Amino acid sequence: MIVCSCNALTNHDIADAVRRGASRPNEVYASKGCKAQCGNCVPGVVCALRSLIRERKEAAMAFAPVDQGAGSVAYA
């Protein structure tokens, strides 16, 4: 899906940028080699960023060790 028609920025471009460490809209645009033009897409980019970052954190937490006390470790 195209999120920014000025730069042909897609939801896949945003996901790729997040995988490479982007956490701010300007980092998403920079990963594609562009900048926000009219600004109408910025709320959509921010929404997608938040969602993707939250999903990554939740996935990471699912495999994070959980301290069970007394030296034992379990995984969530």
N, C-alpha and C. Protein backbone atom coordinates (compact mmCIF):
# COMPACT_ATOMS: atom_id res chain seq x y z
N MET A 1 0.85 -1.17 0.00
CA MET A 1 0.00 0.00 0.00
C MET A 1 0.90 1.24 0.00
N ILE A 2 0.57 2.21 -0.81
CA ILE A 2 1.32 3.47 -0.84
C ILE A 2 0.87 4.35 0.31
N VAL A 3 1.83 4.76 1.12
CA VAL A 3 1.57 5.63 2.26
C VAL A 3 1.85 7.08 1.88
N CYS A 4 2.86 7.30 1.05
CA CYS A 4 3.23 8.64 0.61
C CYS A 4 3.27 8.66 -0.91
N SER A 5 2.30 9.30 -1.52
CA SER A 5 2.25 9.34 -2.98
C SER A 5 3.30 10.28 -3.57
N CYS A 6 3.73 11.29 -2.81
CA CYS A 6 4.77 12.20 -3.31
C CYS A 6 6.09 11.46 -3.56
N ASN A 7 6.38 10.49 -2.69
CA ASN A 7 7.65 9.77 -2.77
C ASN A 7 7.49 8.29 -3.10
N ALA A 8 6.27 7.86 -3.39
CA ALA A 8 5.97 6.45 -3.66
C ALA A 8 6.48 5.56 -2.52
N LEU A 9 6.30 6.02 -1.30
CA LEU A 9 6.71 5.30 -0.10
C LEU A 9 5.61 4.34 0.29
N THR A 10 5.94 3.06 0.43
CA THR A 10 4.94 2.05 0.74
C THR A 10 5.07 1.55 2.17
N ASN A 11 4.08 0.80 2.59
CA ASN A 11 4.14 0.19 3.92
C ASN A 11 5.31 -0.79 4.01
N HIS A 12 5.68 -1.40 2.90
CA HIS A 12 6.84 -2.30 2.88
C HIS A 12 8.14 -1.52 3.07
N ASP A 13 8.20 -0.31 2.50
CA ASP A 13 9.37 0.55 2.70
C ASP A 13 9.52 0.92 4.17
N ILE A 14 8.40 1.19 4.83
CA ILE A 14 8.43 1.54 6.25
C ILE A 14 8.89 0.35 7.07
N ALA A 15 8.36 -0.83 6.76
CA ALA A 15 8.76 -2.04 7.48
C ALA A 15 10.25 -2.32 7.28
N ASP A 16 10.75 -2.14 6.07
CA ASP A 16 12.18 -2.34 5.81
C ASP A 16 13.02 -1.36 6.63
N ALA A 17 12.58 -0.11 6.68
CA ALA A 17 13.30 0.91 7.45
C ALA A 17 13.32 0.56 8.93
N VAL A 18 12.21 0.08 9.46
CA VAL A 18 12.15 -0.31 10.88
C VAL A 18 13.08 -1.49 11.13
N ARG A 19 13.11 -2.46 10.22
CA ARG A 19 14.02 -3.60 10.37
C ARG A 19 15.48 -3.13 10.41
N ARG A 20 15.77 -2.03 9.72
CA ARG A 20 17.13 -1.48 9.72
C ARG A 20 17.37 -0.50 10.85
N GLY A 21 16.37 -0.32 11.73
CA GLY A 21 16.58 0.50 12.92
C GLY A 21 15.88 1.84 12.96
N ALA A 22 15.11 2.18 11.93
CA ALA A 22 14.40 3.46 11.93
C ALA A 22 13.35 3.50 13.04
N SER A 23 13.28 4.64 13.72
CA SER A 23 12.27 4.81 14.77
C SER A 23 11.60 6.17 14.68
N ARG A 24 11.96 6.95 13.69
CA ARG A 24 11.38 8.28 13.48
C ARG A 24 11.03 8.47 12.01
N PRO A 25 10.03 9.28 11.73
CA PRO A 25 9.63 9.48 10.33
C PRO A 25 10.78 9.92 9.43
N ASN A 26 11.62 10.84 9.90
CA ASN A 26 12.70 11.32 9.03
C ASN A 26 13.68 10.19 8.70
N GLU A 27 13.82 9.21 9.59
CA GLU A 27 14.68 8.06 9.31
C GLU A 27 14.05 7.14 8.26
N VAL A 28 12.73 7.06 8.26
CA VAL A 28 12.04 6.27 7.23
C VAL A 28 12.25 6.92 5.87
N TYR A 29 12.01 8.21 5.79
CA TYR A 29 12.21 8.91 4.52
C TYR A 29 13.66 8.81 4.06
N ALA A 30 14.60 8.99 4.98
CA ALA A 30 16.02 8.93 4.63
C ALA A 30 16.41 7.56 4.10
N SER A 31 15.79 6.51 4.64
CA SER A 31 16.11 5.16 4.17
C SER A 31 15.70 4.96 2.72
N LYS A 32 14.73 5.74 2.28
CA LYS A 32 14.26 5.69 0.89
C LYS A 32 14.93 6.77 0.04
N GLY A 33 15.73 7.63 0.69
CA GLY A 33 16.43 8.69 -0.02
C GLY A 33 15.54 9.86 -0.39
N CYS A 34 14.57 10.15 0.46
CA CYS A 34 13.64 11.24 0.16
C CYS A 34 13.30 11.99 1.44
N LYS A 35 12.44 12.99 1.31
CA LYS A 35 11.93 13.77 2.45
C LYS A 35 10.43 13.93 2.27
N ALA A 36 9.74 14.20 3.37
CA ALA A 36 8.30 14.49 3.28
C ALA A 36 8.13 15.74 2.42
N GLN A 37 7.18 15.71 1.51
CA GLN A 37 6.94 16.85 0.62
C GLN A 37 5.76 17.68 1.12
N CYS A 38 4.55 17.18 0.94
CA CYS A 38 3.37 17.94 1.33
C CYS A 38 3.01 17.74 2.80
N GLY A 39 3.48 16.62 3.39
CA GLY A 39 3.24 16.36 4.80
C GLY A 39 1.97 15.58 5.10
N ASN A 40 1.13 15.35 4.11
CA ASN A 40 -0.11 14.62 4.36
C ASN A 40 0.13 13.18 4.80
N CYS A 41 1.27 12.62 4.46
CA CYS A 41 1.56 11.22 4.78
C CYS A 41 2.15 11.04 6.18
N VAL A 42 2.64 12.09 6.79
CA VAL A 42 3.35 11.96 8.07
C VAL A 42 2.52 11.25 9.14
N PRO A 43 1.24 11.58 9.33
CA PRO A 43 0.47 10.83 10.34
C PRO A 43 0.40 9.33 10.04
N GLY A 44 0.29 8.96 8.79
CA GLY A 44 0.25 7.54 8.41
C GLY A 44 1.59 6.87 8.65
N VAL A 45 2.67 7.58 8.36
CA VAL A 45 4.01 7.03 8.60
C VAL A 45 4.22 6.84 10.10
N VAL A 46 3.82 7.81 10.89
CA VAL A 46 3.96 7.71 12.36
C VAL A 46 3.14 6.53 12.88
N CYS A 47 1.93 6.38 12.41
CA CYS A 47 1.06 5.28 12.85
C CYS A 47 1.70 3.94 12.49
N ALA A 48 2.18 3.80 11.27
CA ALA A 48 2.82 2.55 10.86
C ALA A 48 4.07 2.28 11.67
N LEU A 49 4.88 3.32 11.90
CA LEU A 49 6.09 3.18 12.72
C LEU A 49 5.75 2.66 14.11
N ARG A 50 4.80 3.30 14.76
CA ARG A 50 4.42 2.89 16.11
C ARG A 50 3.96 1.43 16.14
N SER A 51 3.16 1.07 15.19
CA SER A 51 2.63 -0.29 15.12
C SER A 51 3.75 -1.30 14.90
N LEU A 52 4.63 -1.02 13.96
CA LEU A 52 5.72 -1.95 13.65
C LEU A 52 6.70 -2.06 14.81
N ILE A 53 7.01 -0.95 15.45
CA ILE A 53 7.94 -0.97 16.59
C ILE A 53 7.32 -1.74 17.74
N ARG A 54 6.03 -1.52 17.99
CA ARG A 54 5.34 -2.25 19.05
C ARG A 54 5.35 -3.76 18.76
N GLU A 55 5.10 -4.15 17.52
CA GLU A 55 5.12 -5.56 17.14
C GLU A 55 6.50 -6.17 17.36
N ARG A 56 7.55 -5.43 17.01
CA ARG A 56 8.92 -5.93 17.22
C ARG A 56 9.22 -6.12 18.69
N LYS A 57 8.79 -5.16 19.52
CA LYS A 57 9.03 -5.26 20.96
C LYS A 57 8.28 -6.45 21.54
N GLU A 58 7.04 -6.64 21.13
CA GLU A 58 6.25 -7.77 21.62
C GLU A 58 6.87 -9.09 21.20
N ALA A 59 7.37 -9.17 19.98
CA ALA A 59 8.02 -10.39 19.50
C ALA A 59 9.29 -10.65 20.29
N ALA A 60 10.04 -9.61 20.57
CA ALA A 60 11.27 -9.76 21.35
C ALA A 60 10.96 -10.21 22.76
N MET A 61 9.90 -9.69 23.34
CA MET A 61 9.52 -10.07 24.70
C MET A 61 9.07 -11.53 24.78
N ALA A 62 8.50 -12.03 23.71
CA ALA A 62 8.04 -13.41 23.70
C ALA A 62 9.20 -14.39 23.83
N PHE A 63 10.39 -13.97 23.42
CA PHE A 63 11.56 -14.84 23.49
C PHE A 63 12.57 -14.39 24.52
N ALA A 64 12.22 -13.40 25.32
CA ALA A 64 13.13 -12.90 26.35
C ALA A 64 13.13 -13.85 27.54
N PRO A 65 14.29 -14.05 28.15
CA PRO A 65 14.33 -14.89 29.35
C PRO A 65 13.55 -14.26 30.49
N VAL A 66 12.87 -15.09 31.25
CA VAL A 66 12.11 -14.64 32.40
C VAL A 66 12.78 -15.23 33.63
N ASP A 67 13.17 -14.38 34.57
CA ASP A 67 13.85 -14.84 35.78
C ASP A 67 12.85 -15.55 36.68
N GLN A 68 13.11 -16.82 36.97
CA GLN A 68 12.25 -17.63 37.82
C GLN A 68 12.79 -17.70 39.25
N GLY A 69 13.87 -16.97 39.52
CA GLY A 69 14.47 -17.00 40.85
C GLY A 69 15.34 -18.23 41.04
N ALA A 70 16.21 -18.20 42.00
CA ALA A 70 17.09 -19.31 42.36
C ALA A 70 17.91 -19.82 41.18
N GLY A 71 18.28 -18.93 40.27
CA GLY A 71 19.17 -19.30 39.17
C GLY A 71 18.52 -19.98 38.00
N SER A 72 17.23 -20.24 38.04
CA SER A 72 16.60 -20.88 36.89
C SER A 72 16.05 -19.81 35.96
N VAL A 73 16.09 -20.11 34.68
CA VAL A 73 15.60 -19.17 33.68
C VAL A 73 14.60 -19.89 32.79
N ALA A 74 13.49 -19.24 32.55
CA ALA A 74 12.47 -19.78 31.64
C ALA A 74 12.26 -18.75 30.54
N TYR A 75 11.62 -19.17 29.49
CA TYR A 75 11.32 -18.26 28.39
C TYR A 75 9.82 -18.09 28.29
N ALA A 76 9.43 -16.82 28.05
CA ALA A 76 8.00 -16.50 27.97
C ALA A 76 7.39 -17.07 26.72
